[in-house]
Amino acid sequence: MLALWTHDLESMEAISQDDETRRLLLRMASLSQAGRLKPLIRELEADEDLDEQTRGTITELASDPTFLAAVEDYLVRTHYFH
């Protein structure tokens, strides 16, 4: 159980260190809370500049409101330490 928690913490920290990823996930979390994430997902699915793997990963993350809420919480709480 501790190993899983540590992996999650490492993932959250990696997200916090990447500006583009952090901004994207915070925007997705905000849209998810407002119930407005579906248009973004449709837009990403239609974006021909994205490769299939990136598109699939973003769609998967966007489909998990619990993950988005956890990422937002972590990023907001740790913002002052970075």
N, C-alpha and C. Protein backbone atom coordinates (compact mmCIF):
# COMPACT_ATOMS: atom_id res chain seq x y z
N MET A 1 0.82 -1.19 0.00
CA MET A 1 0.00 0.00 0.00
C MET A 1 0.86 1.26 0.00
N LEU A 2 1.93 1.28 0.80
CA LEU A 2 2.81 2.44 0.86
C LEU A 2 3.48 2.70 -0.49
N ALA A 3 3.87 1.65 -1.19
CA ALA A 3 4.51 1.81 -2.49
C ALA A 3 3.57 2.50 -3.47
N LEU A 4 2.29 2.14 -3.46
CA LEU A 4 1.31 2.76 -4.35
C LEU A 4 1.17 4.24 -4.00
N TRP A 5 1.08 4.56 -2.72
CA TRP A 5 0.94 5.95 -2.29
C TRP A 5 2.17 6.76 -2.70
N THR A 6 3.36 6.18 -2.53
CA THR A 6 4.59 6.87 -2.90
C THR A 6 4.63 7.13 -4.40
N HIS A 7 4.19 6.16 -5.19
CA HIS A 7 4.14 6.33 -6.64
C HIS A 7 3.19 7.46 -7.00
N ASP A 8 2.04 7.53 -6.36
CA ASP A 8 1.08 8.60 -6.61
C ASP A 8 1.69 9.95 -6.27
N LEU A 9 2.40 10.03 -5.16
CA LEU A 9 3.04 11.26 -4.75
C LEU A 9 4.10 11.68 -5.77
N GLU A 10 4.87 10.74 -6.25
CA GLU A 10 5.88 11.04 -7.26
C GLU A 10 5.23 11.54 -8.55
N SER A 11 4.11 10.95 -8.93
CA SER A 11 3.39 11.38 -10.13
C SER A 11 2.87 12.80 -9.96
N MET A 12 2.30 13.09 -8.81
CA MET A 12 1.79 14.44 -8.55
C MET A 12 2.93 15.46 -8.59
N GLU A 13 4.06 15.10 -8.03
CA GLU A 13 5.20 16.01 -8.02
C GLU A 13 5.72 16.23 -9.44
N ALA A 14 5.75 15.19 -10.25
CA ALA A 14 6.18 15.33 -11.65
C ALA A 14 5.24 16.27 -12.40
N ILE A 15 3.95 16.15 -12.14
CA ILE A 15 2.97 17.05 -12.77
C ILE A 15 3.23 18.48 -12.34
N SER A 16 3.51 18.68 -11.07
CA SER A 16 3.71 20.04 -10.56
C SER A 16 4.96 20.69 -11.15
N GLN A 17 5.92 19.89 -11.58
CA GLN A 17 7.18 20.42 -12.10
C GLN A 17 7.12 20.75 -13.60
N ASP A 18 6.10 20.28 -14.30
CA ASP A 18 5.98 20.52 -15.74
C ASP A 18 4.90 21.59 -15.97
N ASP A 19 5.32 22.77 -16.41
CA ASP A 19 4.41 23.90 -16.54
C ASP A 19 3.20 23.60 -17.44
N GLU A 20 3.45 23.04 -18.61
CA GLU A 20 2.36 22.78 -19.55
C GLU A 20 1.38 21.75 -19.00
N THR A 21 1.90 20.69 -18.43
CA THR A 21 1.05 19.64 -17.87
C THR A 21 0.25 20.19 -16.70
N ARG A 22 0.91 20.95 -15.85
CA ARG A 22 0.23 21.54 -14.70
C ARG A 22 -0.92 22.44 -15.15
N ARG A 23 -0.67 23.32 -16.11
CA ARG A 23 -1.71 24.23 -16.60
C ARG A 23 -2.87 23.46 -17.23
N LEU A 24 -2.55 22.45 -18.02
CA LEU A 24 -3.59 21.66 -18.68
C LEU A 24 -4.47 20.95 -17.65
N LEU A 25 -3.85 20.30 -16.69
CA LEU A 25 -4.63 19.56 -15.70
C LEU A 25 -5.43 20.47 -14.78
N LEU A 26 -4.89 21.64 -14.45
CA LEU A 26 -5.67 22.58 -13.65
C LEU A 26 -6.87 23.10 -14.44
N ARG A 27 -6.67 23.35 -15.71
CA ARG A 27 -7.80 23.79 -16.56
C ARG A 27 -8.84 22.69 -16.68
N MET A 28 -8.39 21.46 -16.88
CA MET A 28 -9.31 20.33 -16.98
C MET A 28 -10.07 20.14 -15.67
N ALA A 29 -9.39 20.31 -14.54
CA ALA A 29 -10.06 20.17 -13.23
C ALA A 29 -11.12 21.24 -13.06
N SER A 30 -10.80 22.45 -13.45
CA SER A 30 -11.76 23.55 -13.34
C SER A 30 -12.97 23.30 -14.23
N LEU A 31 -12.72 22.90 -15.47
CA LEU A 31 -13.82 22.61 -16.39
C LEU A 31 -14.66 21.43 -15.90
N SER A 32 -14.01 20.43 -15.33
CA SER A 32 -14.71 19.26 -14.81
C SER A 32 -15.66 19.67 -13.69
N GLN A 33 -15.18 20.50 -12.78
CA GLN A 33 -16.01 20.95 -11.65
C GLN A 33 -17.20 21.76 -12.13
N ALA A 34 -17.02 22.49 -13.23
CA ALA A 34 -18.09 23.32 -13.77
C ALA A 34 -19.00 22.53 -14.73
N GLY A 35 -18.67 21.26 -14.95
CA GLY A 35 -19.47 20.44 -15.87
C GLY A 35 -19.29 20.83 -17.32
N ARG A 36 -18.13 21.40 -17.66
CA ARG A 36 -17.90 21.88 -19.03
C ARG A 36 -16.69 21.23 -19.70
N LEU A 37 -16.38 20.01 -19.32
CA LEU A 37 -15.19 19.35 -19.85
C LEU A 37 -15.45 18.67 -21.20
N LYS A 38 -16.68 18.27 -21.46
CA LYS A 38 -17.00 17.54 -22.70
C LYS A 38 -16.57 18.29 -23.97
N PRO A 39 -16.83 19.61 -24.09
CA PRO A 39 -16.39 20.30 -25.32
C PRO A 39 -14.88 20.26 -25.52
N LEU A 40 -14.12 20.34 -24.43
CA LEU A 40 -12.67 20.26 -24.54
C LEU A 40 -12.25 18.88 -25.05
N ILE A 41 -12.86 17.85 -24.52
CA ILE A 41 -12.53 16.49 -24.96
C ILE A 41 -12.85 16.32 -26.45
N ARG A 42 -14.00 16.82 -26.88
CA ARG A 42 -14.35 16.74 -28.30
C ARG A 42 -13.35 17.50 -29.16
N GLU A 43 -12.92 18.65 -28.68
CA GLU A 43 -11.94 19.45 -29.42
C GLU A 43 -10.61 18.71 -29.52
N LEU A 44 -10.18 18.08 -28.44
CA LEU A 44 -8.93 17.32 -28.46
C LEU A 44 -9.02 16.12 -29.39
N GLU A 45 -10.16 15.45 -29.38
CA GLU A 45 -10.34 14.29 -30.24
C GLU A 45 -10.29 14.67 -31.72
N ALA A 46 -10.67 15.90 -32.04
CA ALA A 46 -10.67 16.36 -33.43
C ALA A 46 -9.34 17.01 -33.83
N ASP A 47 -8.47 17.24 -32.89
CA ASP A 47 -7.20 17.92 -33.15
C ASP A 47 -6.25 16.97 -33.87
N GLU A 48 -5.98 17.27 -35.12
CA GLU A 48 -5.12 16.40 -35.94
C GLU A 48 -3.64 16.57 -35.60
N ASP A 49 -3.29 17.60 -34.85
CA ASP A 49 -1.89 17.82 -34.47
C ASP A 49 -1.45 16.93 -33.32
N LEU A 50 -2.42 16.34 -32.61
CA LEU A 50 -2.10 15.44 -31.49
C LEU A 50 -1.96 14.01 -31.98
N ASP A 51 -0.96 13.32 -31.45
CA ASP A 51 -0.83 11.91 -31.80
C ASP A 51 -1.84 11.10 -30.98
N GLU A 52 -2.09 9.88 -31.40
CA GLU A 52 -3.11 9.03 -30.77
C GLU A 52 -2.81 8.77 -29.29
N GLN A 53 -1.56 8.57 -28.95
CA GLN A 53 -1.20 8.28 -27.56
C GLN A 53 -1.51 9.48 -26.66
N THR A 54 -1.12 10.66 -27.10
CA THR A 54 -1.39 11.87 -26.31
C THR A 54 -2.89 12.10 -26.19
N ARG A 55 -3.59 11.98 -27.28
CA ARG A 55 -5.05 12.15 -27.29
C ARG A 55 -5.71 11.16 -26.33
N GLY A 56 -5.28 9.92 -26.38
CA GLY A 56 -5.85 8.89 -25.51
C GLY A 56 -5.56 9.14 -24.04
N THR A 57 -4.35 9.56 -23.75
CA THR A 57 -3.97 9.85 -22.36
C THR A 57 -4.79 11.01 -21.81
N ILE A 58 -4.90 12.08 -22.57
CA ILE A 58 -5.67 13.23 -22.11
C ILE A 58 -7.14 12.88 -21.93
N THR A 59 -7.68 12.12 -22.85
CA THR A 59 -9.08 11.70 -22.73
C THR A 59 -9.29 10.84 -21.50
N GLU A 60 -8.36 9.93 -21.24
CA GLU A 60 -8.45 9.07 -20.06
C GLU A 60 -8.40 9.89 -18.77
N LEU A 61 -7.48 10.83 -18.69
CA LEU A 61 -7.38 11.68 -17.51
C LEU A 61 -8.62 12.54 -17.33
N ALA A 62 -9.13 13.05 -18.43
CA ALA A 62 -10.32 13.90 -18.37
C ALA A 62 -11.55 13.12 -17.92
N SER A 63 -11.52 11.82 -18.10
CA SER A 63 -12.66 10.98 -17.73
C SER A 63 -12.65 10.59 -16.26
N ASP A 64 -11.68 11.06 -15.51
CA ASP A 64 -11.56 10.69 -14.10
C ASP A 64 -11.63 11.93 -13.21
N PRO A 65 -12.85 12.33 -12.83
CA PRO A 65 -12.99 13.54 -12.02
C PRO A 65 -12.31 13.44 -10.66
N THR A 66 -12.20 12.24 -10.11
CA THR A 66 -11.52 12.07 -8.83
C THR A 66 -10.04 12.39 -8.96
N PHE A 67 -9.44 11.92 -10.04
CA PHE A 67 -8.03 12.22 -10.30
C PHE A 67 -7.82 13.72 -10.48
N LEU A 68 -8.68 14.34 -11.29
CA LEU A 68 -8.54 15.78 -11.54
C LEU A 68 -8.67 16.58 -10.25
N ALA A 69 -9.60 16.20 -9.39
CA ALA A 69 -9.77 16.88 -8.11
C ALA A 69 -8.54 16.69 -7.23
N ALA A 70 -7.98 15.48 -7.22
CA ALA A 70 -6.79 15.20 -6.42
C ALA A 70 -5.59 15.99 -6.92
N VAL A 71 -5.42 16.06 -8.23
CA VAL A 71 -4.31 16.83 -8.80
C VAL A 71 -4.46 18.30 -8.45
N GLU A 72 -5.66 18.83 -8.62
CA GLU A 72 -5.88 20.24 -8.30
C GLU A 72 -5.57 20.51 -6.83
N ASP A 73 -6.06 19.66 -5.96
CA ASP A 73 -5.82 19.82 -4.53
C ASP A 73 -4.33 19.80 -4.23
N TYR A 74 -3.62 18.84 -4.79
CA TYR A 74 -2.17 18.74 -4.56
C TYR A 74 -1.45 19.99 -5.07
N LEU A 75 -1.78 20.41 -6.28
CA LEU A 75 -1.10 21.55 -6.88
C LEU A 75 -1.37 22.85 -6.11
N VAL A 76 -2.59 23.02 -5.67
CA VAL A 76 -2.92 24.22 -4.90
C VAL A 76 -2.22 24.20 -3.54
N ARG A 77 -2.24 23.06 -2.88
CA ARG A 77 -1.63 22.97 -1.55
C ARG A 77 -0.12 23.09 -1.58
N THR A 78 0.51 22.65 -2.66
CA THR A 78 1.98 22.66 -2.72
C THR A 78 2.51 23.86 -3.49
N HIS A 79 1.66 24.68 -4.04
CA HIS A 79 2.08 25.82 -4.87
C HIS A 79 3.09 26.71 -4.15
N TYR A 80 2.87 26.99 -2.90
CA TYR A 80 3.73 27.90 -2.16
C TYR A 80 5.09 27.32 -1.85
N PHE A 81 5.23 26.00 -1.92
CA PHE A 81 6.51 25.36 -1.61
C PHE A 81 7.42 25.29 -2.83
N HIS A 82 6.87 25.54 -4.01
CA HIS A 82 7.68 25.47 -5.23
C HIS A 82 8.07 26.85 -5.58
